[in-house]
Amino acid sequence: AEQLFQEYVQHQGDPFGLPGFSPPRLPVAGLS
C-alpha cells in the first residue's frame, strides 16, 4: 500500500509531489 501510494503520487505531476502540498480532503462515498 505504501509503494502504491508513492507510485501514485509520482505519476500525478506537480503539485502532488511537492513538499508541503496539502490537497483538499475530498469525501469519498462509502468510506472514511
PDB file of all heavy atoms in Angstrom:
ATOM      1  N   ALA A   1       0.835  -1.207   0.000  1.00  0.00           N
ATOM      2  CA  ALA A   1       0.000   0.000   0.000  1.00  0.00           C
ATOM      3  C   ALA A   1       0.868   1.255   0.000  1.00  0.00           C
ATOM      4  O   ALA A   1       0.552   2.240  -0.679  1.00  0.00           O
ATOM      5  CB  ALA A   1      -0.934   0.000   1.207  1.00  0.00           C
ATOM      6  N   GLU A   2       1.959   1.218   0.719  1.00  0.00           N
ATOM      7  CA  GLU A   2       2.887   2.359   0.733  1.00  0.00           C
ATOM      8  C   GLU A   2       3.523   2.537  -0.647  1.00  0.00           C
ATOM      9  O   GLU A   2       3.647   3.662  -1.142  1.00  0.00           O
ATOM     10  CB  GLU A   2       3.964   2.160   1.801  1.00  0.00           C
ATOM     11  CG  GLU A   2       4.913   3.327   1.935  1.00  0.00           C
ATOM     12  CD  GLU A   2       4.220   4.636   2.323  1.00  0.00           C
ATOM     13  OE1 GLU A   2       3.299   4.620   3.157  1.00  0.00           O
ATOM     14  OE2 GLU A   2       4.601   5.684   1.764  1.00  0.00           O
ATOM     15  N   GLN A   3       3.923   1.441  -1.272  1.00  0.00           N
ATOM     16  CA  GLN A   3       4.504   1.519  -2.613  1.00  0.00           C
ATOM     17  C   GLN A   3       3.494   2.074  -3.616  1.00  0.00           C
ATOM     18  O   GLN A   3       3.842   2.909  -4.457  1.00  0.00           O
ATOM     19  CB  GLN A   3       4.974   0.137  -3.070  1.00  0.00           C
ATOM     20  CG  GLN A   3       6.182  -0.377  -2.337  1.00  0.00           C
ATOM     21  CD  GLN A   3       6.487  -1.840  -2.660  1.00  0.00           C
ATOM     22  OE1 GLN A   3       5.700  -2.534  -3.307  1.00  0.00           O
ATOM     23  NE2 GLN A   3       7.635  -2.306  -2.200  1.00  0.00           N
ATOM     24  N   LEU A   4       2.244   1.628  -3.525  1.00  0.00           N
ATOM     25  CA  LEU A   4       1.202   2.129  -4.409  1.00  0.00           C
ATOM     26  C   LEU A   4       1.018   3.630  -4.217  1.00  0.00           C
ATOM     27  O   LEU A   4       0.963   4.385  -5.185  1.00  0.00           O
ATOM     28  CB  LEU A   4      -0.129   1.413  -4.158  1.00  0.00           C
ATOM     29  CG  LEU A   4      -1.356   2.014  -4.864  1.00  0.00           C
ATOM     30  CD1 LEU A   4      -1.214   1.948  -6.387  1.00  0.00           C
ATOM     31  CD2 LEU A   4      -2.632   1.331  -4.407  1.00  0.00           C
ATOM     32  N   PHE A   5       0.952   4.072  -2.971  1.00  0.00           N
ATOM     33  CA  PHE A   5       0.762   5.498  -2.691  1.00  0.00           C
ATOM     34  C   PHE A   5       1.903   6.322  -3.293  1.00  0.00           C
ATOM     35  O   PHE A   5       1.662   7.335  -3.952  1.00  0.00           O
ATOM     36  CB  PHE A   5       0.663   5.730  -1.177  1.00  0.00           C
ATOM     37  CG  PHE A   5       0.392   7.156  -0.821  1.00  0.00           C
ATOM     38  CD1 PHE A   5      -0.892   7.668  -0.883  1.00  0.00           C
ATOM     39  CD2 PHE A   5       1.421   7.997  -0.429  1.00  0.00           C
ATOM     40  CE1 PHE A   5      -1.149   8.993  -0.573  1.00  0.00           C
ATOM     41  CE2 PHE A   5       1.180   9.323  -0.114  1.00  0.00           C
ATOM     42  CZ  PHE A   5      -0.116   9.824  -0.180  1.00  0.00           C
ATOM     43  N   GLN A   6       3.137   5.878  -3.075  1.00  0.00           N
ATOM     44  CA  GLN A   6       4.299   6.609  -3.595  1.00  0.00           C
ATOM     45  C   GLN A   6       4.277   6.646  -5.127  1.00  0.00           C
ATOM     46  O   GLN A   6       4.547   7.682  -5.732  1.00  0.00           O
ATOM     47  CB  GLN A   6       5.605   5.984  -3.097  1.00  0.00           C
ATOM     48  CG  GLN A   6       5.809   6.085  -1.596  1.00  0.00           C
ATOM     49  CD  GLN A   6       5.762   7.503  -1.080  1.00  0.00           C
ATOM     50  OE1 GLN A   6       6.207   8.449  -1.725  1.00  0.00           O
ATOM     51  NE2 GLN A   6       5.190   7.671   0.100  1.00  0.00           N
ATOM     52  N   GLU A   7       3.963   5.528  -5.744  1.00  0.00           N
ATOM     53  CA  GLU A   7       3.923   5.492  -7.201  1.00  0.00           C
ATOM     54  C   GLU A   7       2.784   6.354  -7.741  1.00  0.00           C
ATOM     55  O   GLU A   7       2.942   7.039  -8.753  1.00  0.00           O
ATOM     56  CB  GLU A   7       3.790   4.059  -7.715  1.00  0.00           C
ATOM     57  CG  GLU A   7       3.888   4.009  -9.223  1.00  0.00           C
ATOM     58  CD  GLU A   7       4.279   2.658  -9.771  1.00  0.00           C
ATOM     59  OE1 GLU A   7       4.581   1.740  -8.986  1.00  0.00           O
ATOM     60  OE2 GLU A   7       4.283   2.524 -11.009  1.00  0.00           O
ATOM     61  N   TYR A   8       1.667   6.331  -7.064  1.00  0.00           N
ATOM     62  CA  TYR A   8       0.540   7.164  -7.494  1.00  0.00           C
ATOM     63  C   TYR A   8       0.961   8.642  -7.494  1.00  0.00           C
ATOM     64  O   TYR A   8       0.752   9.352  -8.475  1.00  0.00           O
ATOM     65  CB  TYR A   8      -0.681   6.956  -6.583  1.00  0.00           C
ATOM     66  CG  TYR A   8      -1.863   7.753  -7.064  1.00  0.00           C
ATOM     67  CD1 TYR A   8      -2.737   7.235  -8.009  1.00  0.00           C
ATOM     68  CD2 TYR A   8      -2.080   9.053  -6.616  1.00  0.00           C
ATOM     69  CE1 TYR A   8      -3.801   7.980  -8.504  1.00  0.00           C
ATOM     70  CE2 TYR A   8      -3.130   9.812  -7.100  1.00  0.00           C
ATOM     71  CZ  TYR A   8      -3.985   9.271  -8.039  1.00  0.00           C
ATOM     72  OH  TYR A   8      -5.025  10.022  -8.525  1.00  0.00           O
ATOM     73  N   VAL A   9       1.543   9.093  -6.401  1.00  0.00           N
ATOM     74  CA  VAL A   9       1.986  10.492  -6.290  1.00  0.00           C
ATOM     75  C   VAL A   9       2.980  10.818  -7.399  1.00  0.00           C
ATOM     76  O   VAL A   9       2.878  11.866  -8.048  1.00  0.00           O
ATOM     77  CB  VAL A   9       2.604  10.766  -4.897  1.00  0.00           C
ATOM     78  CG1 VAL A   9       3.321  12.104  -4.855  1.00  0.00           C
ATOM     79  CG2 VAL A   9       1.520  10.699  -3.818  1.00  0.00           C
ATOM     80  N   GLN A  10       3.910   9.929  -7.653  1.00  0.00           N
ATOM     81  CA  GLN A  10       4.944  10.139  -8.670  1.00  0.00           C
ATOM     82  C   GLN A  10       4.345  10.390 -10.053  1.00  0.00           C
ATOM     83  O   GLN A  10       4.850  11.212 -10.808  1.00  0.00           O
ATOM     84  CB  GLN A  10       5.865   8.910  -8.697  1.00  0.00           C
ATOM     85  CG  GLN A  10       6.887   8.903  -9.794  1.00  0.00           C
ATOM     86  CD  GLN A  10       7.579   7.548  -9.886  1.00  0.00           C
ATOM     87  OE1 GLN A  10       7.528   6.745  -8.958  1.00  0.00           O
ATOM     88  NE2 GLN A  10       8.209   7.285 -11.003  1.00  0.00           N
ATOM     89  N   HIS A  11       3.236   9.727 -10.365  1.00  0.00           N
ATOM     90  CA  HIS A  11       2.643   9.839 -11.705  1.00  0.00           C
ATOM     91  C   HIS A  11       1.670  11.011 -11.866  1.00  0.00           C
ATOM     92  O   HIS A  11       1.175  11.233 -12.966  1.00  0.00           O
ATOM     93  CB  HIS A  11       1.940   8.537 -12.089  1.00  0.00           C
ATOM     94  CG  HIS A  11       2.892   7.464 -12.497  1.00  0.00           C
ATOM     95  ND1 HIS A  11       3.525   7.452 -13.727  1.00  0.00           N
ATOM     96  CD2 HIS A  11       3.338   6.373 -11.830  1.00  0.00           C
ATOM     97  CE1 HIS A  11       4.317   6.396 -13.790  1.00  0.00           C
ATOM     98  NE2 HIS A  11       4.214   5.729 -12.657  1.00  0.00           N
ATOM     99  N   GLN A  12       1.406  11.754 -10.801  1.00  0.00           N
ATOM    100  CA  GLN A  12       0.412  12.822 -10.899  1.00  0.00           C
ATOM    101  C   GLN A  12       1.019  14.175 -11.272  1.00  0.00           C
ATOM    102  O   GLN A  12       0.295  15.087 -11.631  1.00  0.00           O
ATOM    103  CB  GLN A  12      -0.377  12.943  -9.587  1.00  0.00           C
ATOM    104  CG  GLN A  12      -1.081  11.675  -9.172  1.00  0.00           C
ATOM    105  CD  GLN A  12      -1.772  10.949 -10.315  1.00  0.00           C
ATOM    106  OE1 GLN A  12      -2.632  11.497 -10.988  1.00  0.00           O
ATOM    107  NE2 GLN A  12      -1.387   9.690 -10.537  1.00  0.00           N
ATOM    108  N   GLY A  13       2.332  14.283 -11.190  1.00  0.00           N
ATOM    109  CA  GLY A  13       2.963  15.557 -11.553  1.00  0.00           C
ATOM    110  C   GLY A  13       2.769  16.600 -10.466  1.00  0.00           C
ATOM    111  O   GLY A  13       2.216  16.337  -9.407  1.00  0.00           O
ATOM    112  N   ASP A  14       3.223  17.827 -10.765  1.00  0.00           N
ATOM    113  CA  ASP A  14       3.098  18.915  -9.791  1.00  0.00           C
ATOM    114  C   ASP A  14       1.640  19.317  -9.675  1.00  0.00           C
ATOM    115  O   ASP A  14       0.905  19.273 -10.667  1.00  0.00           O
ATOM    116  CB  ASP A  14       3.943  20.114 -10.223  1.00  0.00           C
ATOM    117  CG  ASP A  14       5.438  19.831 -10.086  1.00  0.00           C
ATOM    118  OD1 ASP A  14       5.781  18.881  -9.357  1.00  0.00           O
ATOM    119  OD2 ASP A  14       6.236  20.560 -10.683  1.00  0.00           O
ATOM    120  N   PRO A  15       1.189  19.683  -8.553  1.00  0.00           N
ATOM    121  CA  PRO A  15       1.877  19.913  -7.277  1.00  0.00           C
ATOM    122  C   PRO A  15       1.915  18.694  -6.355  1.00  0.00           C
ATOM    123  O   PRO A  15       2.343  18.798  -5.219  1.00  0.00           O
ATOM    124  CB  PRO A  15       1.030  21.019  -6.642  1.00  0.00           C
ATOM    125  CG  PRO A  15      -0.364  20.687  -7.080  1.00  0.00           C
ATOM    126  CD  PRO A  15      -0.210  20.129  -8.483  1.00  0.00           C
ATOM    127  N   PHE A  16       1.457  17.519  -6.823  1.00  0.00           N
ATOM    128  CA  PHE A  16       1.288  16.357  -5.945  1.00  0.00           C
ATOM    129  C   PHE A  16       2.564  15.903  -5.256  1.00  0.00           C
ATOM    130  O   PHE A  16       2.519  15.485  -4.114  1.00  0.00           O
ATOM    131  CB  PHE A  16       0.638  15.196  -6.712  1.00  0.00           C
ATOM    132  CG  PHE A  16      -0.798  15.446  -7.008  1.00  0.00           C
ATOM    133  CD1 PHE A  16      -1.180  16.167  -8.134  1.00  0.00           C
ATOM    134  CD2 PHE A  16      -1.783  14.990  -6.166  1.00  0.00           C
ATOM    135  CE1 PHE A  16      -2.513  16.414  -8.406  1.00  0.00           C
ATOM    136  CE2 PHE A  16      -3.124  15.228  -6.423  1.00  0.00           C
ATOM    137  CZ  PHE A  16      -3.484  15.950  -7.547  1.00  0.00           C
ATOM    138  N   GLY A  17       3.679  15.977  -5.920  1.00  0.00           N
ATOM    139  CA  GLY A  17       4.917  15.502  -5.317  1.00  0.00           C
ATOM    140  C   GLY A  17       5.700  16.576  -4.588  1.00  0.00           C
ATOM    141  O   GLY A  17       6.754  16.292  -4.017  1.00  0.00           O
ATOM    142  N   LEU A  18       5.208  17.796  -4.572  1.00  0.00           N
ATOM    143  CA  LEU A  18       5.944  18.893  -3.941  1.00  0.00           C
ATOM    144  C   LEU A  18       5.827  18.839  -2.426  1.00  0.00           C
ATOM    145  O   LEU A  18       4.751  18.537  -1.890  1.00  0.00           O
ATOM    146  CB  LEU A  18       5.419  20.243  -4.446  1.00  0.00           C
ATOM    147  CG  LEU A  18       5.593  20.507  -5.940  1.00  0.00           C
ATOM    148  CD1 LEU A  18       4.941  21.837  -6.319  1.00  0.00           C
ATOM    149  CD2 LEU A  18       7.067  20.507  -6.312  1.00  0.00           C
ATOM    150  N   PRO A  19       6.941  19.145  -1.730  1.00  0.00           N
ATOM    151  CA  PRO A  19       6.874  19.175  -0.258  1.00  0.00           C
ATOM    152  C   PRO A  19       5.851  20.221   0.185  1.00  0.00           C
ATOM    153  O   PRO A  19       5.744  21.294  -0.383  1.00  0.00           O
ATOM    154  CB  PRO A  19       8.285  19.589   0.170  1.00  0.00           C
ATOM    155  CG  PRO A  19       9.144  19.464  -1.036  1.00  0.00           C
ATOM    156  CD  PRO A  19       8.255  19.495  -2.239  1.00  0.00           C
ATOM    157  N   GLY A  20       5.089  19.890   1.172  1.00  0.00           N
ATOM    158  CA  GLY A  20       4.115  20.816   1.715  1.00  0.00           C
ATOM    159  C   GLY A  20       2.789  20.860   0.973  1.00  0.00           C
ATOM    160  O   GLY A  20       1.870  21.573   1.387  1.00  0.00           O
ATOM    161  N   PHE A  21       2.674  20.112  -0.128  1.00  0.00           N
ATOM    162  CA  PHE A  21       1.407  20.104  -0.856  1.00  0.00           C
ATOM    163  C   PHE A  21       0.346  19.434   0.004  1.00  0.00           C
ATOM    164  O   PHE A  21       0.533  18.326   0.500  1.00  0.00           O
ATOM    165  CB  PHE A  21       1.536  19.373  -2.193  1.00  0.00           C
ATOM    166  CG  PHE A  21       0.223  19.175  -2.896  1.00  0.00           C
ATOM    167  CD1 PHE A  21      -0.525  20.266  -3.332  1.00  0.00           C
ATOM    168  CD2 PHE A  21      -0.279  17.901  -3.123  1.00  0.00           C
ATOM    169  CE1 PHE A  21      -1.745  20.080  -3.979  1.00  0.00           C
ATOM    170  CE2 PHE A  21      -1.484  17.710  -3.771  1.00  0.00           C
ATOM    171  CZ  PHE A  21      -2.224  18.811  -4.210  1.00  0.00           C
ATOM    172  N   SER A  22      -0.732  20.123   0.210  1.00  0.00           N
ATOM    173  CA  SER A  22      -1.830  19.601   1.014  1.00  0.00           C
ATOM    174  C   SER A  22      -3.103  19.648   0.176  1.00  0.00           C
ATOM    175  O   SER A  22      -3.752  20.693   0.090  1.00  0.00           O
ATOM    176  CB  SER A  22      -1.985  20.442   2.283  1.00  0.00           C
ATOM    177  OG  SER A  22      -3.015  19.922   3.075  1.00  0.00           O
ATOM    178  N   PRO A  23      -3.455  18.530  -0.449  1.00  0.00           N
ATOM    179  CA  PRO A  23      -4.639  18.520  -1.316  1.00  0.00           C
ATOM    180  C   PRO A  23      -5.911  18.656  -0.494  1.00  0.00           C
ATOM    181  O   PRO A  23      -5.932  18.327   0.688  1.00  0.00           O
ATOM    182  CB  PRO A  23      -4.574  17.152  -1.985  1.00  0.00           C
ATOM    183  CG  PRO A  23      -3.848  16.302  -1.009  1.00  0.00           C
ATOM    184  CD  PRO A  23      -2.856  17.206  -0.327  1.00  0.00           C
ATOM    185  N   PRO A  24      -6.962  19.126  -1.121  1.00  0.00           N
ATOM    186  CA  PRO A  24      -8.241  19.161  -0.402  1.00  0.00           C
ATOM    187  C   PRO A  24      -8.661  17.728  -0.053  1.00  0.00           C
ATOM    188  O   PRO A  24      -8.422  16.808  -0.816  1.00  0.00           O
ATOM    189  CB  PRO A  24      -9.205  19.788  -1.411  1.00  0.00           C
ATOM    190  CG  PRO A  24      -8.536  19.681  -2.739  1.00  0.00           C
ATOM    191  CD  PRO A  24      -7.066  19.579  -2.498  1.00  0.00           C
ATOM    192  N   ARG A  25      -9.245  17.568   1.122  1.00  0.00           N
ATOM    193  CA  ARG A  25      -9.675  16.230   1.558  1.00  0.00           C
ATOM    194  C   ARG A  25     -11.097  15.981   1.081  1.00  0.00           C
ATOM    195  O   ARG A  25     -12.048  16.234   1.796  1.00  0.00           O
ATOM    196  CB  ARG A  25      -9.562  16.099   3.067  1.00  0.00           C
ATOM    197  CG  ARG A  25      -8.111  16.050   3.519  1.00  0.00           C
ATOM    198  CD  ARG A  25      -7.978  15.834   5.005  1.00  0.00           C
ATOM    199  NE  ARG A  25      -8.420  14.549   5.477  1.00  0.00           N
ATOM    200  CZ  ARG A  25      -7.674  13.449   5.548  1.00  0.00           C
ATOM    201  NH1 ARG A  25      -6.440  13.470   5.120  1.00  0.00           N
ATOM    202  NH2 ARG A  25      -8.164  12.348   6.048  1.00  0.00           N
ATOM    203  N   LEU A  26     -11.178  15.518  -0.147  1.00  0.00           N
ATOM    204  CA  LEU A  26     -12.483  15.214  -0.720  1.00  0.00           C
ATOM    205  C   LEU A  26     -13.125  14.060   0.035  1.00  0.00           C
ATOM    206  O   LEU A  26     -12.461  13.080   0.364  1.00  0.00           O
ATOM    207  CB  LEU A  26     -12.339  14.791  -2.183  1.00  0.00           C
ATOM    208  CG  LEU A  26     -11.882  15.822  -3.190  1.00  0.00           C
ATOM    209  CD1 LEU A  26     -11.746  15.179  -4.570  1.00  0.00           C
ATOM    210  CD2 LEU A  26     -12.863  16.971  -3.256  1.00  0.00           C
ATOM    211  N   PRO A  27     -14.431  14.160   0.284  1.00  0.00           N
ATOM    212  CA  PRO A  27     -15.104  12.990   0.858  1.00  0.00           C
ATOM    213  C   PRO A  27     -15.185  11.896  -0.196  1.00  0.00           C
ATOM    214  O   PRO A  27     -15.317  12.180  -1.378  1.00  0.00           O
ATOM    215  CB  PRO A  27     -16.493  13.525   1.231  1.00  0.00           C
ATOM    216  CG  PRO A  27     -16.682  14.737   0.388  1.00  0.00           C
ATOM    217  CD  PRO A  27     -15.315  15.284   0.066  1.00  0.00           C
ATOM    218  N   VAL A  28     -15.069  10.676   0.252  1.00  0.00           N
ATOM    219  CA  VAL A  28     -15.173   9.522  -0.638  1.00  0.00           C
ATOM    220  C   VAL A  28     -16.440   8.775  -0.248  1.00  0.00           C
ATOM    221  O   VAL A  28     -16.588   8.359   0.903  1.00  0.00           O
ATOM    222  CB  VAL A  28     -13.922   8.612  -0.517  1.00  0.00           C
ATOM    223  CG1 VAL A  28     -14.089   7.359  -1.335  1.00  0.00           C
ATOM    224  CG2 VAL A  28     -12.668   9.367  -0.921  1.00  0.00           C
ATOM    225  N   ALA A  29     -17.336   8.629  -1.204  1.00  0.00           N
ATOM    226  CA  ALA A  29     -18.624   7.977  -0.933  1.00  0.00           C
ATOM    227  C   ALA A  29     -18.421   6.581  -0.363  1.00  0.00           C
ATOM    228  O   ALA A  29     -17.722   5.762  -0.944  1.00  0.00           O
ATOM    229  CB  ALA A  29     -19.443   7.908  -2.214  1.00  0.00           C
ATOM    230  N   GLY A  30     -19.014   6.328   0.804  1.00  0.00           N
ATOM    231  CA  GLY A  30     -18.987   4.993   1.382  1.00  0.00           C
ATOM    232  C   GLY A  30     -17.766   4.650   2.210  1.00  0.00           C
ATOM    233  O   GLY A  30     -17.670   3.548   2.715  1.00  0.00           O
ATOM    234  N   LEU A  31     -16.835   5.604   2.384  1.00  0.00           N
ATOM    235  CA  LEU A  31     -15.618   5.276   3.122  1.00  0.00           C
ATOM    236  C   LEU A  31     -15.005   6.532   3.718  1.00  0.00           C
ATOM    237  O   LEU A  31     -14.942   7.569   3.073  1.00  0.00           O
ATOM    238  CB  LEU A  31     -14.602   4.592   2.191  1.00  0.00           C
ATOM    239  CG  LEU A  31     -13.352   4.027   2.843  1.00  0.00           C
ATOM    240  CD1 LEU A  31     -13.691   2.912   3.834  1.00  0.00           C
ATOM    241  CD2 LEU A  31     -12.405   3.480   1.779  1.00  0.00           C
ATOM    242  N   SER A  32     -14.549   6.405   4.947  1.00  0.00           N
ATOM    243  CA  SER A  32     -13.805   7.486   5.587  1.00  0.00           C
ATOM    244  C   SER A  32     -12.588   6.864   6.269  1.00  0.00           C
ATOM    245  O   SER A  32     -12.454   5.645   6.333  1.00  0.00           O
ATOM    246  CB  SER A  32     -14.685   8.221   6.607  1.00  0.00           C
ATOM    247  OG  SER A  32     -15.136   7.322   7.596  1.00  0.00           O
TER     248      SER A  32
END
